[in-house]
Protein backbone atom coordinates (compact mmCIF):
# COMPACT_ATOMS: atom_id res chain seq x y z
CA MET A 1 13.13 3.50 -18.27
CA PRO A 2 12.72 0.78 -15.60
CA PHE A 3 10.38 1.11 -12.65
CA ARG A 4 10.61 -0.73 -9.35
CA VAL A 5 7.61 -1.21 -7.10
CA PHE A 6 8.13 -1.77 -3.37
CA ILE A 7 5.20 -3.30 -1.47
CA ASP A 8 4.55 -3.82 2.24
CA GLU A 9 1.57 -4.19 4.54
CA SER A 10 -0.02 -2.91 7.73
CA GLY A 11 -2.36 -5.03 9.78
CA GLU A 12 -2.59 -8.79 9.56
CA ALA A 13 -4.03 -10.81 6.69
CA GLY A 14 -5.86 -13.16 9.05
CA ILE A 15 -9.63 -13.13 8.54
CA SER A 16 -10.97 -16.14 10.47
CA LYS A 17 -10.93 -14.29 13.80
CA VAL A 18 -10.83 -10.51 13.77
CA ARG A 19 -10.08 -8.37 16.80
CA THR A 20 -12.91 -6.49 18.51
CA ASP A 21 -13.13 -4.27 21.60
CA SER A 22 -13.79 -7.37 23.69
CA SER A 23 -11.83 -10.13 21.94
CA ARG A 24 -8.41 -10.77 20.47
CA GLY A 25 -7.68 -11.55 16.85
CA ALA A 26 -6.24 -10.15 13.64
CA SER A 27 -6.56 -6.46 12.78
CA PRO A 28 -10.03 -5.37 11.58
CA TYR A 29 -8.43 -3.64 8.57
CA PHE A 30 -5.71 -4.68 6.16
CA VAL A 31 -3.64 -2.28 4.06
CA LEU A 32 -1.10 -2.91 1.33
CA GLY A 33 1.05 0.08 0.42
CA ALA A 34 3.47 0.67 -2.43
CA ALA A 35 6.22 3.11 -3.39
CA VAL A 36 7.22 3.26 -7.06
CA PHE A 37 10.58 4.64 -8.16
CA GLN A 38 12.78 4.95 -11.23
CA PRO A 39 16.61 4.67 -10.95
CA ALA A 40 17.27 8.38 -10.39
CA SER A 41 14.40 8.72 -7.93
CA GLU A 42 15.67 5.65 -6.04
CA ILE A 43 18.99 7.39 -5.48
CA HIS A 44 17.21 10.48 -4.15
CA ALA A 45 14.93 8.33 -1.97
CA ARG A 46 17.93 6.60 -0.39
CA THR A 47 19.53 9.97 0.31
CA VAL A 48 16.38 11.31 1.96
CA LEU A 49 16.02 8.15 4.06
CA ALA A 50 19.64 8.47 5.24
CA GLU A 51 19.05 12.11 6.18
CA VAL A 52 15.95 11.23 8.19
CA LYS A 53 17.76 8.43 10.01
CA ASN A 54 20.62 10.80 10.77
CA THR A 55 18.18 13.32 12.24
CA ILE A 56 15.89 11.27 14.45
CA THR A 57 16.75 9.53 17.71
CA LYS A 58 16.07 6.03 16.41
CA LYS A 59 18.68 5.70 13.67
CA SER A 60 17.43 2.43 12.22
CA TRP A 61 14.05 0.74 12.01
CA ARG A 62 12.28 -1.81 9.90
CA HIS A 63 8.69 -0.95 10.73
CA ALA A 64 7.05 2.45 11.11
CA THR A 65 5.45 1.28 14.35
CA GLU A 66 8.91 1.55 15.93
CA LEU A 67 8.94 5.35 15.40
CA ASP A 68 7.37 7.96 17.63
CA HIS A 69 4.82 10.46 16.33
CA ALA A 70 7.30 13.29 15.71
CA ALA A 71 9.63 11.04 13.71
CA LYS A 72 6.70 9.82 11.61
CA VAL A 73 5.66 13.39 10.85
CA LEU A 74 9.20 14.23 9.77
CA LEU A 75 9.43 11.15 7.56
CA ALA A 76 6.01 11.87 6.04
CA ARG A 77 7.04 15.45 5.26
CA ARG A 78 10.28 14.30 3.65
CA CYS A 79 8.29 11.73 1.64
CA SER A 80 6.51 14.63 -0.03
CA GLU A 81 9.87 15.64 -1.58
CA LEU A 82 10.40 12.32 -3.34
CA HIS A 83 10.12 11.79 -7.08
CA GLY A 84 8.08 8.62 -6.95
CA ARG A 85 4.45 7.67 -6.47
CA PHE A 86 2.58 6.03 -3.61
CA PHE A 87 -0.35 3.63 -3.81
CA ALA A 88 -2.47 1.75 -1.26
CA VAL A 89 -5.45 -0.58 -1.03
CA VAL A 90 -7.58 -0.76 2.11
CA SER A 91 -9.91 -3.57 3.17
CA ASN A 92 -12.42 -3.60 6.01
CA LYS A 93 -12.63 -7.29 6.90
CA SER A 94 -16.13 -6.96 8.33
CA THR A 95 -17.41 -6.46 4.76
CA LEU A 96 -15.88 -9.60 3.22
CA GLY A 97 -19.18 -11.45 3.45
CA GLU A 98 -19.54 -14.41 1.07
CA TYR A 99 -15.98 -14.01 -0.21
CA LYS A 100 -14.67 -15.01 3.22
CA ASP A 101 -16.65 -18.25 3.03
CA LEU A 102 -15.66 -18.81 -0.60
CA ILE A 103 -11.96 -18.84 0.29
CA GLU A 104 -12.60 -20.67 3.58
CA SER A 105 -11.05 -17.79 5.54
CA ASP A 106 -7.66 -18.46 3.96
CA PRO A 107 -5.40 -15.47 4.81
CA GLN A 108 -3.04 -16.23 1.92
CA LYS A 109 -5.84 -16.05 -0.64
CA PHE A 110 -7.05 -12.83 0.96
CA TYR A 111 -3.53 -11.35 0.76
CA ASN A 112 -3.24 -12.41 -2.90
CA LYS A 113 -6.56 -10.76 -3.71
CA CYS A 114 -5.50 -7.49 -2.08
CA LEU A 115 -2.15 -7.69 -3.90
CA LYS A 116 -3.99 -8.13 -7.20
CA TYR A 117 -6.03 -4.99 -6.52
CA LEU A 118 -2.87 -3.05 -5.69
CA LEU A 119 -0.99 -4.23 -8.78
CA GLU A 120 -3.99 -3.37 -10.97
CA LEU A 121 -3.99 0.13 -9.50
CA ILE A 122 -0.26 0.58 -10.11
CA CYS A 123 -0.24 -0.92 -13.60
CA SER A 124 -3.22 1.17 -14.66
CA TYR A 125 -1.34 4.29 -13.62
CA LEU A 126 1.93 3.24 -15.28
CA GLN A 127 0.18 2.55 -18.56
CA ARG A 128 0.05 6.33 -18.93
CA VAL A 129 3.79 6.29 -19.62
CA ARG A 130 3.64 3.13 -21.76
CA VAL A 131 5.65 0.94 -19.42
CA GLN A 132 6.60 -2.42 -20.94
CA PRO A 133 6.78 -5.78 -19.07
CA ASP A 134 10.59 -5.80 -19.12
CA GLN A 135 10.62 -2.34 -17.49
CA LEU A 136 8.65 -3.23 -14.37
CA SER A 137 9.72 -5.25 -11.33
CA VAL A 138 8.12 -5.69 -7.93
CA ILE A 139 9.73 -6.17 -4.51
CA LEU A 140 7.61 -7.60 -1.70
CA GLU A 141 8.58 -7.82 1.93
CA HIS A 142 9.23 -11.52 2.48
CA ARG A 143 6.57 -13.19 4.62
CA ASN A 144 5.46 -16.71 5.44
CA HIS A 145 3.58 -17.20 2.20
CA ASP A 146 2.97 -19.69 -0.60
CA TYR A 147 4.56 -17.67 -3.39
CA ASP A 148 4.03 -20.37 -6.01
CA ALA A 149 0.28 -20.15 -5.41
CA MET A 150 0.53 -16.36 -5.62
CA TYR A 151 2.33 -16.53 -8.98
CA ARG A 152 -0.25 -18.98 -10.33
CA TYR A 153 -3.13 -16.81 -9.19
CA LEU A 154 -1.74 -13.60 -10.68
CA SER A 155 -0.82 -15.39 -13.92
CA THR A 156 -4.39 -16.70 -14.24
CA VAL A 157 -5.85 -13.24 -13.67
CA LYS A 158 -3.45 -11.72 -16.20
CA GLU A 159 -4.12 -14.33 -18.87
CA ASN A 160 -7.89 -14.42 -18.36
CA PRO A 161 -8.97 -11.00 -17.05
CA LEU A 162 -12.61 -11.15 -15.94
CA TYR A 163 -12.76 -7.47 -15.11
CA GLU A 164 -11.66 -4.36 -16.97
CA GLU A 165 -9.24 -3.38 -14.18
CA SER A 166 -7.36 -6.67 -14.55
CA LYS A 167 -6.43 -5.88 -18.15
CA SER A 168 -3.84 -3.42 -16.83
CA LEU A 169 -1.79 -6.42 -15.64
CA SER A 170 -0.77 -6.95 -19.27
CA ILE A 171 2.33 -4.83 -18.54
CA LEU A 172 3.29 -6.98 -15.53
CA ASN A 173 5.70 -9.90 -15.75
CA VAL A 174 4.39 -11.91 -12.80
CA PHE A 175 7.75 -13.61 -12.35
CA ALA A 176 9.43 -10.24 -11.92
CA ILE A 177 7.87 -10.16 -8.44
CA SER A 178 10.48 -10.99 -5.80
CA PRO A 179 10.10 -11.39 -2.02
CA ILE A 180 13.02 -9.86 -0.11
CA GLU A 181 13.72 -9.54 3.60
CA LYS A 182 13.05 -5.94 4.60
CA GLY A 183 16.46 -5.47 6.19
CA LYS A 184 18.08 -6.28 2.84
CA GLU A 185 16.32 -3.50 0.90
CA GLU A 186 15.87 -0.19 2.67
CA LEU A 187 13.40 1.20 0.13
CA LEU A 188 10.85 -1.27 1.51
CA GLU A 189 10.75 1.10 4.47
CA TYR A 190 8.91 3.61 2.28
CA ALA A 191 6.31 0.99 1.35
CA ASP A 192 5.99 0.10 5.02
CA PHE A 193 5.42 3.75 5.87
CA VAL A 194 2.87 4.24 3.09
CA SER A 195 0.84 1.30 4.37
CA HIS A 196 1.24 2.51 7.96
CA ALA A 197 0.13 6.05 7.11
CA VAL A 198 -3.00 4.80 5.35
CA TYR A 199 -3.72 2.24 8.05
CA GLN A 200 -3.76 5.04 10.62
CA LEU A 201 -6.82 6.46 8.84
CA THR A 202 -8.68 3.33 9.97
CA ASN A 203 -7.07 2.74 13.33
CA LYS A 204 -9.51 3.23 16.20
CA SER A 205 -7.84 1.43 19.09
CA ALA A 206 -7.70 1.84 22.84
CA ALA A 207 -4.09 3.03 22.48
CA ASN A 208 -5.17 6.09 20.46
CA TYR A 209 -8.48 6.56 22.32
CA GLY A 210 -10.38 5.64 19.16
CA ILE A 211 -9.05 8.66 17.25
CA PRO A 212 -7.51 7.87 13.81
CA GLU A 213 -4.40 9.81 12.73
CA PRO A 214 -4.56 11.51 9.29
CA ARG A 215 -1.41 13.62 9.71
CA TYR A 216 1.03 11.21 8.05
CA SER A 217 -0.99 10.57 4.90
CA GLN A 218 -1.82 14.28 4.60
CA GLU A 219 1.84 15.29 4.77
CA MET A 220 2.75 12.88 1.95
CA SER A 221 -0.49 13.20 0.00
CA LYS A 222 0.90 14.99 -3.04
CA ARG A 223 3.05 11.97 -3.88
CA PHE A 224 0.08 9.60 -4.08
CA ALA A 225 -1.03 8.76 -7.61
CA ALA A 226 -3.97 10.79 -8.87
CA ASP A 227 -6.34 10.92 -11.83
CA THR A 228 -6.30 13.72 -14.39
CA GLN A 229 -8.29 15.91 -12.00
CA GLY A 230 -5.83 15.33 -9.18
CA LYS A 231 -8.17 13.05 -7.19
CA ILE A 232 -6.33 10.38 -5.20
CA LEU A 233 -9.26 8.07 -4.45
CA GLY A 234 -9.46 5.43 -7.16
CA SER A 235 -5.98 6.14 -8.52
CA GLY A 236 -3.63 6.29 -5.54
CA ILE A 237 -5.86 4.78 -2.87
CA LYS A 238 -8.35 2.00 -3.59
CA CYS A 239 -11.10 1.25 -1.11
CA ILE A 240 -12.30 -2.37 -1.17
CA HIS A 241 -14.90 -2.12 -2.46
CA SER A 242 -16.07 1.40 -1.73
CA LEU A 243 -15.31 4.27 0.60
CA ASP A 244 -18.62 3.65 2.40
CA GLN A 245 -17.68 0.02 3.08
CA LEU A 246 -14.57 1.11 4.97
CA GLU A 247 -16.84 2.63 7.63
CA LEU A 248 -14.35 5.37 8.46
CA ASN A 249 -14.93 8.34 10.74
CA ARG A 250 -16.66 11.21 8.98
CA ASP A 251 -13.69 13.54 9.29
CA ILE A 252 -11.43 10.94 7.64
CA VAL A 253 -13.94 10.49 4.80
CA ARG A 254 -13.98 14.24 4.21
CA ILE A 255 -10.18 14.34 4.13
CA LEU A 256 -9.95 11.49 1.60
CA GLU A 257 -12.61 12.97 -0.64
CA ALA A 258 -10.92 16.38 -0.59
CA THR A 259 -7.30 15.30 -0.98
CA ARG A 260 -5.70 16.20 -4.30
CA ALA A 261 -2.26 15.57 -5.81
CA ASP A 262 -0.30 16.47 -8.92
CA PRO A 263 -2.02 14.42 -11.66
CA ARG A 264 1.08 14.18 -13.84
CA ALA A 265 2.66 10.74 -14.22
CA LEU A 266 6.02 9.80 -12.70
């Protein structure tokens, strides 16, 4: 049975100058989110998306940031009805340290690294159902990016895995990864919303008075991938490189540590 992975991001990949309370720059956090579906669950997901768009005031959107809070809550609640799985990786740029210097603050290399972590997370989970390389394809939102360099990087990691987690990429055909404009594939809107929901756990801006919003991710939490005990952290959400390094508010940490989902595979 084929699986399709839809991937999108929240925040900017720029790392040379990061925004603070007193200066402009790229977002202090970066999140990549994914929604994974099989053919039948894709059909259901499209139906649910159409119903949501028919219900809310804003009938069409490409980015979750275009929706108001109530519409996001509705979409998150409907996401919990889907028959797919969600994944996300979260990076706090202030913790990049020597790695930032090693890649000379190259945002494309940073994006590729985060994508590798996300694909490892997804492939590790899909190995439970013995997915084969010809059964897995990946759709990325098209961005201004050197995709040839991305393919070379992922191919190198796959062929010469230095870490145990990278061995899961054995089920991934790197060249089955395709960038597509978001408006040409509506299921990317789920990936966009997954990344947005997780990003809101980190978002402490003047616009929200420094108060992160956990409602969206909580509403859709049961569709995040989980380990055999139902724990999402480490299976559905990966913190780079630890939960402590994300430097989240205490209430958000408690929520993430307590959140559980159905541990059964797709």
